[in-house]
Amino acid sequence: MTNQPWALITGASGGIGRQYAITLARDYNYNLFLVSNQEKELADLAREISDTYHVLAESLCLNMAAADAAEQIYAFAKQHEMVVEVLINNAGMLIFQPFCDTPVAKTETMLMLHMVALTKLTRLFAADMRTRCKGYILNMSSMSAWMAMPSIVCYNATKAYVLSFSKALNFELRPFGIHVLALTPGSTDTGLLPFGDKFAAILRAVGITMPPARLVRRALKVLFRTKRQRCMPGPWNYIIVPIINHLPYWLVRIAMKRLPMFGLSQSK
């Protein structure tokens, strides 16, 4: 379709993924290959970006938790002759619920999104990048990758996988001109976290919760201008992570009983 390189963004229809799309088109002049399971929002975004920033924007709506999702995405890119130079593995989900109360299907969906689809997409597109000796891969992890937090046990575990996978892969691919970065953000102002309006406003005011635009600007700057393996935006996160990791069991248990977000307020 064009010799201009493409950026592939999963989970692109809203939140952080949408901001990646806008920033890559506006500030870096990339053509965009946008993927998510929200057809109307995805098509509207592709049209908006194409009209506003005068780049090509293709969209593909599919269930990324499907076993062959990565193969479908790769085949679509090949069919449309896209040279994917940037891969942003952003698709994901967050569930606050005790592990034994979470439907098995939801757990499986999370595992497929955060690990299987991400790994397969990286494998398929990284091989092409290695042939060209150029490419950028950004995998969305989380600062919770370092923490054992109740009620998001699978989220923590899968994000820890993303972090470890990305750091090791960066060593393999750096000699071929490919930069692999794990982004480990903390609280981001996308409306997904179960905080009340007043508490959310306090987090924003003190800088603990970061706006998506600021997060994405920081992430892409690190991706394109450094060789770092991971990035945890926000100085507060470097304080919060060790504090949470050293909380005594009794204090964690009190928090679990008092905070509805942990889903254990009725536990005995």
Protein backbone atom coordinates (compact mmCIF):
# COMPACT_ATOMS: atom_id res chain seq x y z
CA MET A 1 0.00 0.00 0.00
CA THR A 2 2.84 2.41 0.84
CA ASN A 3 6.56 2.38 1.59
CA GLN A 4 5.93 4.38 4.75
CA PRO A 5 6.30 2.13 7.83
CA TRP A 6 3.37 1.01 9.94
CA ALA A 7 2.69 0.83 13.66
CA LEU A 8 0.46 -2.00 14.89
CA ILE A 9 -1.49 -1.29 18.08
CA THR A 10 -3.68 -3.86 19.82
CA GLY A 11 -6.48 -2.75 22.12
CA ALA A 12 -6.49 0.48 20.10
CA SER A 13 -10.15 1.53 20.32
CA GLY A 14 -9.97 3.32 23.67
CA GLY A 15 -7.90 4.40 26.66
CA ILE A 16 -4.13 4.01 26.38
CA GLY A 17 -4.33 2.21 23.04
CA ARG A 18 -6.24 5.08 21.46
CA GLN A 19 -3.65 7.52 22.79
CA TYR A 20 -0.83 5.44 21.29
CA ALA A 21 -2.59 5.63 17.92
CA ILE A 22 -3.06 9.39 18.03
CA THR A 23 0.49 10.08 19.20
CA LEU A 24 2.16 7.78 16.67
CA ALA A 25 0.22 9.39 13.82
CA ARG A 26 0.51 12.99 15.01
CA ASP A 27 4.07 13.08 16.35
CA TYR A 28 5.82 10.28 14.45
CA ASN A 29 3.90 10.16 11.14
CA TYR A 30 3.34 6.39 11.20
CA ASN A 31 0.64 4.63 9.23
CA LEU A 32 -1.55 2.75 11.69
CA PHE A 33 -2.85 -0.81 11.89
CA LEU A 34 -5.44 -0.73 14.66
CA VAL A 35 -6.83 -3.88 16.30
CA SER A 36 -9.50 -4.40 18.96
CA ASN A 37 -12.83 -6.13 19.54
CA GLN A 38 -14.90 -2.90 19.40
CA GLU A 39 -15.80 -2.50 15.75
CA LYS A 40 -17.53 0.89 15.69
CA GLU A 41 -15.05 2.65 17.99
CA LEU A 42 -12.16 1.18 16.01
CA ALA A 43 -13.53 2.25 12.62
CA ASP A 44 -14.33 5.74 13.93
CA LEU A 45 -10.81 6.12 15.29
CA ALA A 46 -9.20 4.96 12.03
CA ARG A 47 -11.28 7.45 10.06
CA GLU A 48 -10.60 10.28 12.51
CA ILE A 49 -6.84 9.71 12.47
CA SER A 50 -6.67 9.38 8.69
CA ASP A 51 -8.63 12.60 8.18
CA THR A 52 -6.78 14.58 10.84
CA TYR A 53 -3.17 13.48 10.44
CA HIS A 54 -3.15 12.37 6.79
CA VAL A 55 -1.71 8.91 7.35
CA LEU A 56 -3.14 5.57 6.38
CA ALA A 57 -5.16 3.86 9.10
CA GLU A 58 -6.46 0.31 8.74
CA SER A 59 -8.63 -1.40 11.34
CA LEU A 60 -9.29 -5.05 12.13
CA CYS A 61 -11.97 -6.08 14.60
CA LEU A 62 -11.48 -9.48 16.18
CA ASN A 63 -11.42 -11.33 19.48
CA MET A 64 -7.79 -11.28 20.52
CA ALA A 65 -8.40 -14.05 23.03
CA ALA A 66 -9.06 -16.46 20.13
CA ALA A 67 -6.39 -19.10 19.63
CA ASP A 68 -5.59 -17.91 16.10
CA ALA A 69 -5.87 -14.16 16.70
CA ALA A 70 -2.17 -13.50 16.16
CA GLU A 71 -2.16 -15.44 12.91
CA GLN A 72 -5.19 -13.49 11.66
CA ILE A 73 -3.52 -10.18 12.43
CA TYR A 74 -0.27 -11.21 10.77
CA ALA A 75 -2.10 -12.48 7.67
CA PHE A 76 -4.03 -9.19 7.41
CA ALA A 77 -0.78 -7.21 7.54
CA LYS A 78 0.78 -9.37 4.85
CA GLN A 79 -2.31 -9.16 2.64
CA HIS A 80 -2.20 -5.36 2.81
CA GLU A 81 1.58 -5.23 2.32
CA MET A 82 2.24 -3.48 5.62
CA VAL A 83 5.81 -3.10 6.79
CA VAL A 84 5.22 -3.15 10.55
CA GLU A 85 8.09 -1.29 12.17
CA VAL A 86 6.43 -0.68 15.55
CA LEU A 87 4.43 -3.26 17.53
CA ILE A 88 2.49 -2.06 20.57
CA ASN A 89 1.07 -5.02 22.51
CA ASN A 90 -1.52 -3.11 24.51
CA ALA A 91 -4.65 -5.31 24.56
CA GLY A 92 -5.59 -6.47 28.03
CA MET A 93 -8.17 -6.64 30.77
CA LEU A 94 -8.39 -6.10 34.53
CA ILE A 95 -10.70 -7.96 36.91
CA PHE A 96 -10.98 -7.26 40.65
CA GLN A 97 -12.38 -10.51 42.02
CA PRO A 98 -11.17 -13.34 44.27
CA PHE A 99 -9.49 -16.03 42.19
CA CYS A 100 -11.89 -18.85 43.16
CA ASP A 101 -14.91 -16.65 42.40
CA THR A 102 -13.71 -15.62 38.94
CA PRO A 103 -15.29 -17.61 36.10
CA VAL A 104 -12.76 -19.91 34.47
CA ALA A 105 -13.61 -18.44 31.06
CA LYS A 106 -12.61 -14.94 32.22
CA THR A 107 -9.34 -16.24 33.61
CA GLU A 108 -8.60 -18.03 30.35
CA THR A 109 -9.37 -14.86 28.37
CA MET A 110 -6.87 -12.91 30.45
CA LEU A 111 -4.17 -15.54 29.99
CA MET A 112 -4.76 -15.57 26.24
CA LEU A 113 -4.67 -11.78 25.94
CA HIS A 114 -1.74 -11.01 28.20
CA MET A 115 0.52 -13.95 27.35
CA VAL A 116 -0.45 -16.10 24.36
CA ALA A 117 -1.56 -13.43 21.89
CA LEU A 118 1.24 -11.08 22.94
CA THR A 119 3.89 -13.78 22.61
CA LYS A 120 2.67 -15.03 19.23
CA LEU A 121 2.32 -11.53 17.77
CA THR A 122 5.82 -10.69 18.94
CA ARG A 123 7.20 -13.90 17.43
CA LEU A 124 5.59 -13.30 14.04
CA PHE A 125 6.46 -9.63 13.60
CA ALA A 126 9.85 -9.75 15.33
CA ALA A 127 11.08 -12.27 12.77
CA ASP A 128 10.32 -9.78 9.97
CA MET A 129 11.96 -6.96 11.94
CA ARG A 130 15.07 -9.09 12.40
CA THR A 131 15.30 -9.63 8.64
CA ARG A 132 15.12 -5.85 8.10
CA CYS A 133 17.42 -5.17 11.11
CA LYS A 134 15.06 -2.55 12.45
CA GLY A 135 12.03 -2.51 14.72
CA TYR A 136 10.43 -1.44 17.96
CA ILE A 137 8.31 -3.57 20.28
CA LEU A 138 6.53 -2.17 23.32
CA ASN A 139 4.79 -4.63 25.64
CA MET A 140 2.40 -3.32 28.27
CA SER A 141 3.25 -4.78 31.66
CA SER A 142 2.37 -3.15 34.99
CA MET A 143 4.02 -2.09 38.20
CA SER A 144 1.92 -4.86 39.77
CA ALA A 145 4.34 -7.30 38.10
CA TRP A 146 6.50 -6.85 41.22
CA MET A 147 3.67 -7.23 43.73
CA ALA A 148 1.52 -10.03 45.12
CA MET A 149 -1.89 -8.37 45.37
CA PRO A 150 -5.09 -10.24 46.28
CA SER A 151 -8.03 -10.24 43.88
CA ILE A 152 -5.86 -9.54 40.84
CA VAL A 153 -3.62 -12.59 41.17
CA CYS A 154 -3.73 -13.61 37.49
CA TYR A 155 -3.29 -10.01 36.36
CA ASN A 156 -0.13 -9.71 38.48
CA ALA A 157 1.21 -13.03 37.28
CA THR A 158 0.61 -12.38 33.58
CA LYS A 159 2.15 -8.92 33.80
CA ALA A 160 5.20 -10.44 35.49
CA TYR A 161 5.46 -12.79 32.50
CA VAL A 162 5.33 -9.82 30.11
CA LEU A 163 8.10 -8.07 32.02
CA SER A 164 10.41 -11.09 32.11
CA PHE A 165 9.68 -12.02 28.49
CA SER A 166 10.39 -8.51 27.23
CA LYS A 167 13.63 -8.05 29.15
CA ALA A 168 15.05 -11.36 27.93
CA LEU A 169 13.91 -10.80 24.34
CA ASN A 170 15.56 -7.38 24.28
CA PHE A 171 18.92 -9.08 24.81
CA GLU A 172 18.25 -11.44 21.88
CA LEU A 173 17.05 -8.84 19.43
CA ARG A 174 19.16 -5.79 20.21
CA PRO A 175 22.06 -6.99 17.99
CA PHE A 176 19.56 -6.96 15.09
CA GLY A 177 18.55 -3.34 15.59
CA ILE A 178 15.32 -4.12 17.47
CA HIS A 179 14.41 -2.45 20.75
CA VAL A 180 12.03 -4.36 23.05
CA LEU A 181 10.59 -2.36 25.94
CA ALA A 182 8.35 -3.41 28.82
CA LEU A 183 6.26 -0.52 30.11
CA THR A 184 5.25 -0.96 33.76
CA PRO A 185 2.80 1.86 34.55
CA GLY A 186 0.96 2.32 37.79
CA SER A 187 -2.47 3.89 38.07
CA THR A 188 -3.58 5.41 34.76
CA ASP A 189 -6.61 7.65 34.34
CA THR A 190 -8.65 5.42 32.02
CA GLY A 191 -11.64 4.73 34.28
CA LEU A 192 -10.83 1.03 34.71
CA LEU A 193 -9.79 1.16 38.36
CA PRO A 194 -12.63 0.85 40.92
CA PHE A 195 -11.97 4.11 42.74
CA GLY A 196 -14.64 6.58 43.80
CA ASP A 197 -14.65 10.02 42.19
CA LYS A 198 -13.20 11.80 45.24
CA PHE A 199 -10.39 9.28 45.75
CA ALA A 200 -9.62 9.27 42.01
CA ALA A 201 -9.41 13.08 42.07
CA ILE A 202 -6.93 12.95 44.96
CA LEU A 203 -4.75 10.43 43.11
CA ARG A 204 -4.71 12.69 40.05
CA ALA A 205 -3.96 15.79 42.12
CA VAL A 206 -0.88 14.31 43.80
CA GLY A 207 0.39 12.74 40.59
CA ILE A 208 -0.11 9.06 41.45
CA THR A 209 -2.63 8.57 38.63
CA MET A 210 -1.17 9.53 35.26
CA PRO A 211 -3.16 10.79 32.24
CA PRO A 212 -2.87 8.49 29.19
CA ALA A 213 -1.38 11.26 27.02
CA ARG A 214 1.49 11.82 29.44
CA LEU A 215 2.08 8.09 29.86
CA VAL A 216 2.22 7.49 26.11
CA ARG A 217 4.53 10.43 25.43
CA ARG A 218 6.95 9.09 28.01
CA ALA A 219 6.71 5.51 26.76
CA LEU A 220 7.38 6.37 23.11
CA LYS A 221 10.25 8.66 24.01
CA VAL A 222 11.93 5.80 25.87
CA LEU A 223 11.12 3.33 23.08
CA PHE A 224 12.55 5.44 20.26
CA ARG A 225 15.40 7.27 21.99
CA THR A 226 16.89 4.83 24.50
CA LYS A 227 17.92 1.20 24.83
CA ARG A 228 16.23 0.60 28.17
CA GLN A 229 14.57 -2.77 28.83
CA ARG A 230 11.79 -1.40 31.02
CA CYS A 231 10.20 1.89 31.96
CA MET A 232 8.05 2.64 35.01
CA PRO A 233 6.73 6.19 34.47
CA GLY A 234 6.02 8.32 37.51
CA PRO A 235 8.32 8.87 40.53
CA TRP A 236 5.57 7.80 42.97
CA ASN A 237 5.69 4.24 41.63
CA TYR A 238 9.28 3.77 42.79
CA ILE A 239 8.08 4.54 46.32
CA ILE A 240 4.79 2.63 46.23
CA VAL A 241 6.17 -0.71 44.95
CA PRO A 242 8.66 -1.39 47.78
CA ILE A 243 6.18 -0.18 50.40
CA ILE A 244 3.46 -2.59 49.21
CA ASN A 245 5.96 -5.43 48.91
CA HIS A 246 6.92 -5.05 52.58
CA LEU A 247 3.44 -4.74 54.07
CA PRO A 248 2.87 -7.31 56.85
CA TYR A 249 0.24 -9.98 56.26
CA TRP A 250 -2.11 -8.66 58.95
CA LEU A 251 -2.22 -5.22 57.33
CA VAL A 252 -2.96 -6.69 53.90
CA ARG A 253 -5.75 -8.74 55.44
CA ILE A 254 -7.32 -5.64 57.03
CA ALA A 255 -7.20 -3.84 53.69
CA MET A 256 -8.84 -6.81 51.98
CA LYS A 257 -11.74 -6.69 54.42
CA ARG A 258 -12.25 -2.93 54.27
CA LEU A 259 -11.82 -2.17 50.56
CA PRO A 260 -14.60 -3.37 48.23
CA MET A 261 -12.14 -3.43 45.30
CA PHE A 262 -10.66 -6.61 46.81
CA GLY A 263 -14.03 -8.33 46.82
CA LEU A 264 -13.43 -9.86 50.24
CA SER A 265 -15.28 -7.45 52.51
CA GLN A 266 -17.71 -10.23 53.48
CA SER A 267 -15.06 -12.88 54.06
CA LYS A 268 -14.80 -14.58 57.43
